[in-house]
Amino acid sequence: MTPEAKVKKHVKEILDSMGVYYFMPAMGNFGRAGIPDIIGCYNGRFVAIECKAGKGKTTALQDRELARISNADGLSYVINEDNIHELKELIIWNTKQK
């Protein structure tokens, strides 16, 4: 399992434990470039998560999509091994703000 796959697996475990509805969009020729790895909904809020590992950085297309989601009042996060422990608190805190 790749380091990024490990991050995705851990993120999905956290989301499952919270009861978040989520899916992973199809990649390749069937989707739009830059779409986050995981799309979900929690307490009526749209949640998008881009998973990275190590020194992985988001691409310009990913940054554009995450910004569009945030501008539409959705929640968007870039999660890696360093901040994954904050994910549950971030989602809970930000879904209470509306």
PDB file of N, CA and C in Angstrom:
ATOM      1  N   MET A   1       0.854  -1.179   0.000  1.00  0.00           N
ATOM      2  CA  MET A   1       0.000   0.000   0.000  1.00  0.00           C
ATOM      3  C   MET A   1       0.897   1.239   0.000  1.00  0.00           C
ATOM      4  N   THR A   2       0.585   2.179  -0.884  1.00  0.00           N
ATOM      5  CA  THR A   2       1.381   3.398  -0.983  1.00  0.00           C
ATOM      6  C   THR A   2       1.133   4.286   0.246  1.00  0.00           C
ATOM      7  N   PRO A   3       2.044   5.205   0.538  1.00  0.00           N
ATOM      8  CA  PRO A   3       1.815   6.124   1.660  1.00  0.00           C
ATOM      9  C   PRO A   3       0.516   6.922   1.516  1.00  0.00           C
ATOM     10  N   GLU A   4       0.193   7.366   0.291  1.00  0.00           N
ATOM     11  CA  GLU A   4      -1.050   8.115   0.101  1.00  0.00           C
ATOM     12  C   GLU A   4      -2.268   7.206   0.320  1.00  0.00           C
ATOM     13  N   ALA A   5      -2.172   5.965  -0.100  1.00  0.00           N
ATOM     14  CA  ALA A   5      -3.275   5.019   0.125  1.00  0.00           C
ATOM     15  C   ALA A   5      -3.503   4.801   1.619  1.00  0.00           C
ATOM     16  N   LYS A   6      -2.428   4.819   2.395  1.00  0.00           N
ATOM     17  CA  LYS A   6      -2.553   4.681   3.851  1.00  0.00           C
ATOM     18  C   LYS A   6      -3.289   5.889   4.442  1.00  0.00           C
ATOM     19  N   VAL A   7      -2.981   7.087   3.941  1.00  0.00           N
ATOM     20  CA  VAL A   7      -3.673   8.298   4.407  1.00  0.00           C
ATOM     21  C   VAL A   7      -5.154   8.195   4.055  1.00  0.00           C
ATOM     22  N   LYS A   8      -5.462   7.793   2.821  1.00  0.00           N
ATOM     23  CA  LYS A   8      -6.863   7.654   2.403  1.00  0.00           C
ATOM     24  C   LYS A   8      -7.593   6.639   3.280  1.00  0.00           C
ATOM     25  N   LYS A   9      -6.945   5.529   3.567  1.00  0.00           N
ATOM     26  CA  LYS A   9      -7.557   4.493   4.397  1.00  0.00           C
ATOM     27  C   LYS A   9      -7.884   5.041   5.786  1.00  0.00           C
ATOM     28  N   HIS A  10      -6.955   5.761   6.373  1.00  0.00           N
ATOM     29  CA  HIS A  10      -7.164   6.332   7.707  1.00  0.00           C
ATOM     30  C   HIS A  10      -8.273   7.393   7.671  1.00  0.00           C
ATOM     31  N   VAL A  11      -8.284   8.218   6.645  1.00  0.00           N
ATOM     32  CA  VAL A  11      -9.348   9.231   6.501  1.00  0.00           C
ATOM     33  C   VAL A  11     -10.701   8.537   6.431  1.00  0.00           C
ATOM     34  N   LYS A  12     -10.818   7.475   5.626  1.00  0.00           N
ATOM     35  CA  LYS A  12     -12.088   6.758   5.507  1.00  0.00           C
ATOM     36  C   LYS A  12     -12.504   6.138   6.839  1.00  0.00           C
ATOM     37  N   GLU A  13     -11.557   5.648   7.612  1.00  0.00           N
ATOM     38  CA  GLU A  13     -11.879   5.102   8.940  1.00  0.00           C
ATOM     39  C   GLU A  13     -12.447   6.192   9.848  1.00  0.00           C
ATOM     40  N   ILE A  14     -11.851   7.374   9.796  1.00  0.00           N
ATOM     41  CA  ILE A  14     -12.348   8.499  10.605  1.00  0.00           C
ATOM     42  C   ILE A  14     -13.750   8.877  10.165  1.00  0.00           C
ATOM     43  N   LEU A  15     -13.958   9.013   8.862  1.00  0.00           N
ATOM     44  CA  LEU A  15     -15.268   9.388   8.349  1.00  0.00           C
ATOM     45  C   LEU A  15     -16.321   8.332   8.705  1.00  0.00           C
ATOM     46  N   ASP A  16     -15.959   7.063   8.592  1.00  0.00           N
ATOM     47  CA  ASP A  16     -16.879   5.980   8.971  1.00  0.00           C
ATOM     48  C   ASP A  16     -17.267   6.093  10.440  1.00  0.00           C
ATOM     49  N   SER A  17     -16.295   6.373  11.287  1.00  0.00           N
ATOM     50  CA  SER A  17     -16.568   6.455  12.731  1.00  0.00           C
ATOM     51  C   SER A  17     -17.490   7.628  13.068  1.00  0.00           C
ATOM     52  N   MET A  18     -17.513   8.632  12.195  1.00  0.00           N
ATOM     53  CA  MET A  18     -18.342   9.822  12.410  1.00  0.00           C
ATOM     54  C   MET A  18     -19.721   9.705  11.752  1.00  0.00           C
ATOM     55  N   GLY A  19     -19.906   8.700  10.916  1.00  0.00           N
ATOM     56  CA  GLY A  19     -21.161   8.577  10.188  1.00  0.00           C
ATOM     57  C   GLY A  19     -21.272   9.522   9.006  1.00  0.00           C
ATOM     58  N   VAL A  20     -20.143   9.939   8.463  1.00  0.00           N
ATOM     59  CA  VAL A  20     -20.127  10.837   7.306  1.00  0.00           C
ATOM     60  C   VAL A  20     -20.496  10.041   6.056  1.00  0.00           C
ATOM     61  N   TYR A  21     -21.396  10.593   5.228  1.00  0.00           N
ATOM     62  CA  TYR A  21     -21.651  10.024   3.913  1.00  0.00           C
ATOM     63  C   TYR A  21     -20.506  10.499   3.013  1.00  0.00           C
ATOM     64  N   TYR A  22     -19.865   9.564   2.303  1.00  0.00           N
ATOM     65  CA  TYR A  22     -18.774   9.959   1.416  1.00  0.00           C
ATOM     66  C   TYR A  22     -18.609   8.960   0.278  1.00  0.00           C
ATOM     67  N   PHE A  23     -17.904   9.393  -0.745  1.00  0.00           N
ATOM     68  CA  PHE A  23     -17.513   8.522  -1.850  1.00  0.00           C
ATOM     69  C   PHE A  23     -16.217   9.047  -2.432  1.00  0.00           C
ATOM     70  N   MET A  24     -15.584   8.204  -3.233  1.00  0.00           N
ATOM     71  CA  MET A  24     -14.352   8.582  -3.909  1.00  0.00           C
ATOM     72  C   MET A  24     -14.673   8.670  -5.408  1.00  0.00           C
ATOM     73  N   PRO A  25     -14.608   9.868  -5.990  1.00  0.00           N
ATOM     74  CA  PRO A  25     -14.954  10.036  -7.400  1.00  0.00           C
ATOM     75  C   PRO A  25     -14.070   9.195  -8.317  1.00  0.00           C
ATOM     76  N   ALA A  26     -14.650   8.765  -9.429  1.00  0.00           N
ATOM     77  CA  ALA A  26     -13.899   7.999 -10.432  1.00  0.00           C
ATOM     78  C   ALA A  26     -12.795   8.876 -11.011  1.00  0.00           C
ATOM     79  N   MET A  27     -11.644   8.305 -11.159  1.00  0.00           N
ATOM     80  CA  MET A  27     -10.508   9.039 -11.717  1.00  0.00           C
ATOM     81  C   MET A  27     -10.337   8.670 -13.185  1.00  0.00           C
ATOM     82  N   GLY A  28      -9.472   9.344 -13.855  1.00  0.00           N
ATOM     83  CA  GLY A  28      -9.175   9.030 -15.241  1.00  0.00           C
ATOM     84  C   GLY A  28      -9.971   9.885 -16.201  1.00  0.00           C
ATOM     85  N   ASN A  29     -10.339   9.313 -17.318  1.00  0.00           N
ATOM     86  CA  ASN A  29     -11.013  10.053 -18.384  1.00  0.00           C
ATOM     87  C   ASN A  29     -12.470  10.375 -18.075  1.00  0.00           C
ATOM     88  N   PHE A  30     -13.003   9.861 -16.983  1.00  0.00           N
ATOM     89  CA  PHE A  30     -14.419  10.008 -16.693  1.00  0.00           C
ATOM     90  C   PHE A  30     -14.743  11.204 -15.797  1.00  0.00           C
ATOM     91  N   GLY A  31     -13.760  11.790 -15.178  1.00  0.00           N
ATOM     92  CA  GLY A  31     -14.017  12.892 -14.261  1.00  0.00           C
ATOM     93  C   GLY A  31     -13.269  14.147 -14.660  1.00  0.00           C
ATOM     94  N   ARG A  32     -13.520  15.211 -13.913  1.00  0.00           N
ATOM     95  CA  ARG A  32     -12.843  16.482 -14.149  1.00  0.00           C
ATOM     96  C   ARG A  32     -11.529  16.490 -13.368  1.00  0.00           C
ATOM     97  N   ALA A  33     -10.483  16.984 -13.959  1.00  0.00           N
ATOM     98  CA  ALA A  33      -9.166  17.038 -13.327  1.00  0.00           C
ATOM     99  C   ALA A  33      -9.207  17.928 -12.086  1.00  0.00           C
ATOM    100  N   GLY A  34      -8.526  17.498 -11.041  1.00  0.00           N
ATOM    101  CA  GLY A  34      -8.390  18.296  -9.835  1.00  0.00           C
ATOM    102  C   GLY A  34      -9.422  18.027  -8.763  1.00  0.00           C
ATOM    103  N   ILE A  35     -10.412  17.182  -9.047  1.00  0.00           N
ATOM    104  CA  ILE A  35     -11.449  16.883  -8.059  1.00  0.00           C
ATOM    105  C   ILE A  35     -10.801  16.199  -6.847  1.00  0.00           C
ATOM    106  N   PRO A  36     -11.178  16.594  -5.625  1.00  0.00           N
ATOM    107  CA  PRO A  36     -10.585  15.987  -4.427  1.00  0.00           C
ATOM    108  C   PRO A  36     -10.816  14.477  -4.357  1.00  0.00           C
ATOM    109  N   ASP A  37      -9.972  13.814  -3.591  1.00  0.00           N
ATOM    110  CA  ASP A  37     -10.010  12.356  -3.468  1.00  0.00           C
ATOM    111  C   ASP A  37     -11.299  11.841  -2.843  1.00  0.00           C
ATOM    112  N   ILE A  38     -11.801  12.554  -1.853  1.00  0.00           N
ATOM    113  CA  ILE A  38     -12.986  12.104  -1.122  1.00  0.00           C
ATOM    114  C   ILE A  38     -13.982  13.254  -1.052  1.00  0.00           C
ATOM    115  N   ILE A  39     -15.239  12.943  -1.406  1.00  0.00           N
ATOM    116  CA  ILE A  39     -16.330  13.914  -1.368  1.00  0.00           C
ATOM    117  C   ILE A  39     -17.364  13.376  -0.393  1.00  0.00           C
ATOM    118  N   GLY A  40     -17.874  14.240   0.484  1.00  0.00           N
ATOM    119  CA  GLY A  40     -18.852  13.758   1.445  1.00  0.00           C
ATOM    120  C   GLY A  40     -19.799  14.833   1.935  1.00  0.00           C
ATOM    121  N   CYS A  41     -20.652  14.412   2.863  1.00  0.00           N
ATOM    122  CA  CYS A  41     -21.615  15.316   3.481  1.00  0.00           C
ATOM    123  C   CYS A  41     -21.735  14.948   4.955  1.00  0.00           C
ATOM    124  N   TYR A  42     -21.691  15.970   5.810  1.00  0.00           N
ATOM    125  CA  TYR A  42     -21.823  15.761   7.247  1.00  0.00           C
ATOM    126  C   TYR A  42     -22.657  16.901   7.821  1.00  0.00           C
ATOM    127  N   ASN A  43     -23.718  16.564   8.519  1.00  0.00           N
ATOM    128  CA  ASN A  43     -24.619  17.564   9.099  1.00  0.00           C
ATOM    129  C   ASN A  43     -25.051  18.611   8.081  1.00  0.00           C
ATOM    130  N   GLY A  44     -25.319  18.157   6.863  1.00  0.00           N
ATOM    131  CA  GLY A  44     -25.800  19.058   5.830  1.00  0.00           C
ATOM    132  C   GLY A  44     -24.739  19.884   5.140  1.00  0.00           C
ATOM    133  N   ARG A  45     -23.478  19.666   5.441  1.00  0.00           N
ATOM    134  CA  ARG A  45     -22.382  20.430   4.827  1.00  0.00           C
ATOM    135  C   ARG A  45     -21.601  19.559   3.854  1.00  0.00           C
ATOM    136  N   PHE A  46     -21.283  20.128   2.719  1.00  0.00           N
ATOM    137  CA  PHE A  46     -20.462  19.483   1.704  1.00  0.00           C
ATOM    138  C   PHE A  46     -19.024  19.451   2.212  1.00  0.00           C
ATOM    139  N   VAL A  47     -18.379  18.288   2.127  1.00  0.00           N
ATOM    140  CA  VAL A  47     -17.009  18.123   2.602  1.00  0.00           C
ATOM    141  C   VAL A  47     -16.156  17.511   1.486  1.00  0.00           C
ATOM    142  N   ALA A  48     -15.021  18.122   1.204  1.00  0.00           N
ATOM    143  CA  ALA A  48     -14.087  17.613   0.200  1.00  0.00           C
ATOM    144  C   ALA A  48     -12.713  17.457   0.845  1.00  0.00           C
ATOM    145  N   ILE A  49     -12.085  16.313   0.601  1.00  0.00           N
ATOM    146  CA  ILE A  49     -10.784  16.032   1.212  1.00  0.00           C
ATOM    147  C   ILE A  49      -9.806  15.575   0.139  1.00  0.00           C
ATOM    148  N   GLU A  50      -8.691  16.272   0.050  1.00  0.00           N
ATOM    149  CA  GLU A  50      -7.585  15.875  -0.807  1.00  0.00           C
ATOM    150  C   GLU A  50      -6.534  15.234   0.095  1.00  0.00           C
ATOM    151  N   CYS A  51      -6.155  14.008  -0.195  1.00  0.00           N
ATOM    152  CA  CYS A  51      -5.190  13.274   0.630  1.00  0.00           C
ATOM    153  C   CYS A  51      -3.811  13.349  -0.012  1.00  0.00           C
ATOM    154  N   LYS A  52      -2.828  13.627   0.806  1.00  0.00           N
ATOM    155  CA  LYS A  52      -1.439  13.683   0.359  1.00  0.00           C
ATOM    156  C   LYS A  52      -0.578  12.908   1.346  1.00  0.00           C
ATOM    157  N   ALA A  53       0.592  12.513   0.891  1.00  0.00           N
ATOM    158  CA  ALA A  53       1.533  11.809   1.766  1.00  0.00           C
ATOM    159  C   ALA A  53       2.911  12.433   1.629  1.00  0.00           C
ATOM    160  N   GLY A  54       3.664  12.332   2.703  1.00  0.00           N
ATOM    161  CA  GLY A  54       5.026  12.848   2.673  1.00  0.00           C
ATOM    162  C   GLY A  54       5.062  14.317   2.335  1.00  0.00           C
ATOM    163  N   LYS A  55       5.893  14.653   1.368  1.00  0.00           N
ATOM    164  CA  LYS A  55       6.024  16.052   0.952  1.00  0.00           C
ATOM    165  C   LYS A  55       5.115  16.380  -0.227  1.00  0.00           C
ATOM    166  N   GLY A  56       4.133  15.514  -0.479  1.00  0.00           N
ATOM    167  CA  GLY A  56       3.208  15.721  -1.580  1.00  0.00           C
ATOM    168  C   GLY A  56       2.480  17.051  -1.463  1.00  0.00           C
ATOM    169  N   LYS A  57       2.365  17.734  -2.565  1.00  0.00           N
ATOM    170  CA  LYS A  57       1.696  19.039  -2.593  1.00  0.00           C
ATOM    171  C   LYS A  57       0.558  18.997  -3.601  1.00  0.00           C
ATOM    172  N   THR A  58      -0.420  19.826  -3.374  1.00  0.00           N
ATOM    173  CA  THR A  58      -1.536  19.901  -4.304  1.00  0.00           C
ATOM    174  C   THR A  58      -1.091  20.543  -5.613  1.00  0.00           C
ATOM    175  N   THR A  59      -1.760  20.155  -6.682  1.00  0.00           N
ATOM    176  CA  THR A  59      -1.489  20.749  -7.988  1.00  0.00           C
ATOM    177  C   THR A  59      -2.309  22.028  -8.125  1.00  0.00           C
ATOM    178  N   ALA A  60      -2.016  22.785  -9.154  1.00  0.00           N
ATOM    179  CA  ALA A  60      -2.782  24.009  -9.414  1.00  0.00           C
ATOM    180  C   ALA A  60      -4.252  23.681  -9.651  1.00  0.00           C
ATOM    181  N   LEU A  61      -4.533  22.587 -10.356  1.00  0.00           N
ATOM    182  CA  LEU A  61      -5.923  22.187 -10.597  1.00  0.00           C
ATOM    183  C   LEU A  61      -6.620  21.804  -9.298  1.00  0.00           C
ATOM    184  N   GLN A  62      -5.919  21.095  -8.427  1.00  0.00           N
ATOM    185  CA  GLN A  62      -6.493  20.736  -7.128  1.00  0.00           C
ATOM    186  C   GLN A  62      -6.746  21.976  -6.288  1.00  0.00           C
ATOM    187  N   ASP A  63      -5.807  22.895  -6.290  1.00  0.00           N
ATOM    188  CA  ASP A  63      -5.993  24.153  -5.546  1.00  0.00           C
ATOM    189  C   ASP A  63      -7.218  24.898  -6.056  1.00  0.00           C
ATOM    190  N   ARG A  64      -7.387  24.924  -7.378  1.00  0.00           N
ATOM    191  CA  ARG A  64      -8.541  25.609  -7.970  1.00  0.00           C
ATOM    192  C   ARG A  64      -9.849  24.967  -7.506  1.00  0.00           C
ATOM    193  N   GLU A  65      -9.926  23.645  -7.535  1.00  0.00           N
ATOM    194  CA  GLU A  65     -11.153  22.952  -7.130  1.00  0.00           C
ATOM    195  C   GLU A  65     -11.434  23.144  -5.640  1.00  0.00           C
ATOM    196  N   LEU A  66     -10.413  23.054  -4.802  1.00  0.00           N
ATOM    197  CA  LEU A  66     -10.601  23.255  -3.359  1.00  0.00           C
ATOM    198  C   LEU A  66     -11.083  24.677  -3.072  1.00  0.00           C
ATOM    199  N   ALA A  67     -10.536  25.650  -3.802  1.00  0.00           N
ATOM    200  CA  ALA A  67     -10.962  27.045  -3.625  1.00  0.00           C
ATOM    201  C   ALA A  67     -12.410  27.229  -4.087  1.00  0.00           C
ATOM    202  N   ARG A  68     -12.781  26.613  -5.180  1.00  0.00           N
ATOM    203  CA  ARG A  68     -14.165  26.715  -5.674  1.00  0.00           C
ATOM    204  C   ARG A  68     -15.143  26.125  -4.656  1.00  0.00           C
ATOM    205  N   ILE A  69     -14.760  25.029  -4.038  1.00  0.00           N
ATOM    206  CA  ILE A  69     -15.606  24.409  -3.014  1.00  0.00           C
ATOM    207  C   ILE A  69     -15.741  25.341  -1.816  1.00  0.00           C
ATOM    208  N   SER A  70     -14.632  25.879  -1.351  1.00  0.00           N
ATOM    209  CA  SER A  70     -14.672  26.817  -0.223  1.00  0.00           C
ATOM    210  C   SER A  70     -15.490  28.056  -0.554  1.00  0.00           C
ATOM    211  N   ASN A  71     -15.328  28.574  -1.758  1.00  0.00           N
ATOM    212  CA  ASN A  71     -16.078  29.766  -2.179  1.00  0.00           C
ATOM    213  C   ASN A  71     -17.578  29.497  -2.266  1.00  0.00           C
ATOM    214  N   ALA A  72     -17.952  28.228  -2.452  1.00  0.00           N
ATOM    215  CA  ALA A  72     -19.367  27.850  -2.508  1.00  0.00           C
ATOM    216  C   ALA A  72     -19.878  27.465  -1.115  1.00  0.00           C
ATOM    217  N   ASP A  73     -19.092  27.789  -0.079  1.00  0.00           N
ATOM    218  CA  ASP A  73     -19.440  27.526   1.314  1.00  0.00           C
ATOM    219  C   ASP A  73     -19.344  26.055   1.704  1.00  0.00           C
ATOM    220  N   GLY A  74     -18.602  25.282   0.921  1.00  0.00           N
ATOM    221  CA  GLY A  74     -18.307  23.901   1.296  1.00  0.00           C
ATOM    222  C   GLY A  74     -17.052  23.865   2.146  1.00  0.00           C
ATOM    223  N   LEU A  75     -16.794  22.720   2.736  1.00  0.00           N
ATOM    224  CA  LEU A  75     -15.584  22.530   3.540  1.00  0.00           C
ATOM    225  C   LEU A  75     -14.567  21.786   2.693  1.00  0.00           C
ATOM    226  N   SER A  76     -13.344  22.267   2.631  1.00  0.00           N
ATOM    227  CA  SER A  76     -12.303  21.580   1.868  1.00  0.00           C
ATOM    228  C   SER A  76     -11.031  21.505   2.696  1.00  0.00           C
ATOM    229  N   TYR A  77     -10.431  20.331   2.660  1.00  0.00           N
ATOM    230  CA  TYR A  77      -9.236  20.079   3.467  1.00  0.00           C
ATOM    231  C   TYR A  77      -8.190  19.342   2.645  1.00  0.00           C
ATOM    232  N   VAL A  78      -6.926  19.626   2.936  1.00  0.00           N
ATOM    233  CA  VAL A  78      -5.809  18.832   2.439  1.00  0.00           C
ATOM    234  C   VAL A  78      -5.271  18.116   3.669  1.00  0.00           C
ATOM    235  N   ILE A  79      -5.333  16.786   3.632  1.00  0.00           N
ATOM    236  CA  ILE A  79      -4.975  15.983   4.796  1.00  0.00           C
ATOM    237  C   ILE A  79      -3.766  15.116   4.472  1.00  0.00           C
ATOM    238  N   ASN A  80      -2.818  15.091   5.409  1.00  0.00           N
ATOM    239  CA  ASN A  80      -1.648  14.229   5.289  1.00  0.00           C
ATOM    240  C   ASN A  80      -1.349  13.601   6.651  1.00  0.00           C
ATOM    241  N   GLU A  81      -0.234  12.914   6.741  1.00  0.00           N
ATOM    242  CA  GLU A  81       0.108  12.243   8.002  1.00  0.00           C
ATOM    243  C   GLU A  81       0.271  13.226   9.161  1.00  0.00           C
ATOM    244  N   ASP A  82       0.657  14.445   8.865  1.00  0.00           N
ATOM    245  CA  ASP A  82       0.915  15.430   9.920  1.00  0.00           C
ATOM    246  C   ASP A  82      -0.346  16.030  10.527  1.00  0.00           C
ATOM    247  N   ASN A  83      -1.435  16.126   9.746  1.00  0.00           N
ATOM    248  CA  ASN A  83      -2.634  16.773  10.277  1.00  0.00           C
ATOM    249  C   ASN A  83      -3.860  15.865  10.331  1.00  0.00           C
ATOM    250  N   ILE A  84      -3.688  14.591  10.020  1.00  0.00           N
ATOM    251  CA  ILE A  84      -4.838  13.688   9.992  1.00  0.00           C
ATOM    252  C   ILE A  84      -5.521  13.582  11.355  1.00  0.00           C
ATOM    253  N   HIS A  85      -4.758  13.749  12.412  1.00  0.00           N
ATOM    254  CA  HIS A  85      -5.330  13.669  13.768  1.00  0.00           C
ATOM    255  C   HIS A  85      -6.293  14.832  14.052  1.00  0.00           C
ATOM    256  N   GLU A  86      -6.272  15.868  13.238  1.00  0.00           N
ATOM    257  CA  GLU A  86      -7.151  17.031  13.407  1.00  0.00           C
ATOM    258  C   GLU A  86      -8.443  16.926  12.605  1.00  0.00           C
ATOM    259  N   LEU A  87      -8.544  15.952  11.706  1.00  0.00           N
ATOM    260  CA  LEU A  87      -9.658  15.913  10.754  1.00  0.00           C
ATOM    261  C   LEU A  87     -11.021  15.866  11.432  1.00  0.00           C
ATOM    262  N   LYS A  88     -11.210  14.983  12.374  1.00  0.00           N
ATOM    263  CA  LYS A  88     -12.511  14.849  13.025  1.00  0.00           C
ATOM    264  C   LYS A  88     -12.926  16.168  13.691  1.00  0.00           C
ATOM    265  N   GLU A  89     -12.013  16.779  14.427  1.00  0.00           N
ATOM    266  CA  GLU A  89     -12.317  18.046  15.103  1.00  0.00           C
ATOM    267  C   GLU A  89     -12.608  19.160  14.096  1.00  0.00           C
ATOM    268  N   LEU A  90     -11.863  19.200  12.985  1.00  0.00           N
ATOM    269  CA  LEU A  90     -12.097  20.220  11.963  1.00  0.00           C
ATOM    270  C   LEU A  90     -13.504  20.104  11.383  1.00  0.00           C
ATOM    271  N   ILE A  91     -13.891  18.887  11.048  1.00  0.00           N
ATOM    272  CA  ILE A  91     -15.220  18.693  10.458  1.00  0.00           C
ATOM    273  C   ILE A  91     -16.307  19.039  11.461  1.00  0.00           C
ATOM    274  N   ILE A  92     -16.177  18.544  12.687  1.00  0.00           N
ATOM    275  CA  ILE A  92     -17.204  18.826  13.703  1.00  0.00           C
ATOM    276  C   ILE A  92     -17.278  20.321  13.961  1.00  0.00           C
ATOM    277  N   TRP A  93     -16.153  20.977  14.164  1.00  0.00           N
ATOM    278  CA  TRP A  93     -16.144  22.412  14.463  1.00  0.00           C
ATOM    279  C   TRP A  93     -16.759  23.219  13.320  1.00  0.00           C
ATOM    280  N   ASN A  94     -16.358  22.922  12.087  1.00  0.00           N
ATOM    281  CA  ASN A  94     -16.832  23.711  10.949  1.00  0.00           C
ATOM    282  C   ASN A  94     -18.277  23.425  10.564  1.00  0.00           C
ATOM    283  N   THR A  95     -18.806  22.278  10.917  1.00  0.00           N
ATOM    284  CA  THR A  95     -20.232  22.026  10.631  1.00  0.00           C
ATOM    285  C   THR A  95     -21.115  22.641  11.696  1.00  0.00           C
ATOM    286  N   LYS A  96     -20.567  23.016  12.835  1.00  0.00           N
ATOM    287  CA  LYS A  96     -21.337  23.702  13.872  1.00  0.00           C
ATOM    288  C   LYS A  96     -21.414  25.202  13.613  1.00  0.00           C
ATOM    289  N   GLN A  97     -20.554  25.712  12.751  1.00  0.00           N
ATOM    290  CA  GLN A  97     -20.452  27.146  12.511  1.00  0.00           C
ATOM    291  C   GLN A  97     -21.595  27.703  11.675  1.00  0.00           C
ATOM    292  N   LYS A  98     -22.344  26.879  11.009  1.00  0.00           N
ATOM    293  CA  LYS A  98     -23.435  27.341  10.139  1.00  0.00           C
ATOM    294  C   LYS A  98     -24.748  27.290  10.854  1.00  0.00           C
TER     295      LYS A  98
END
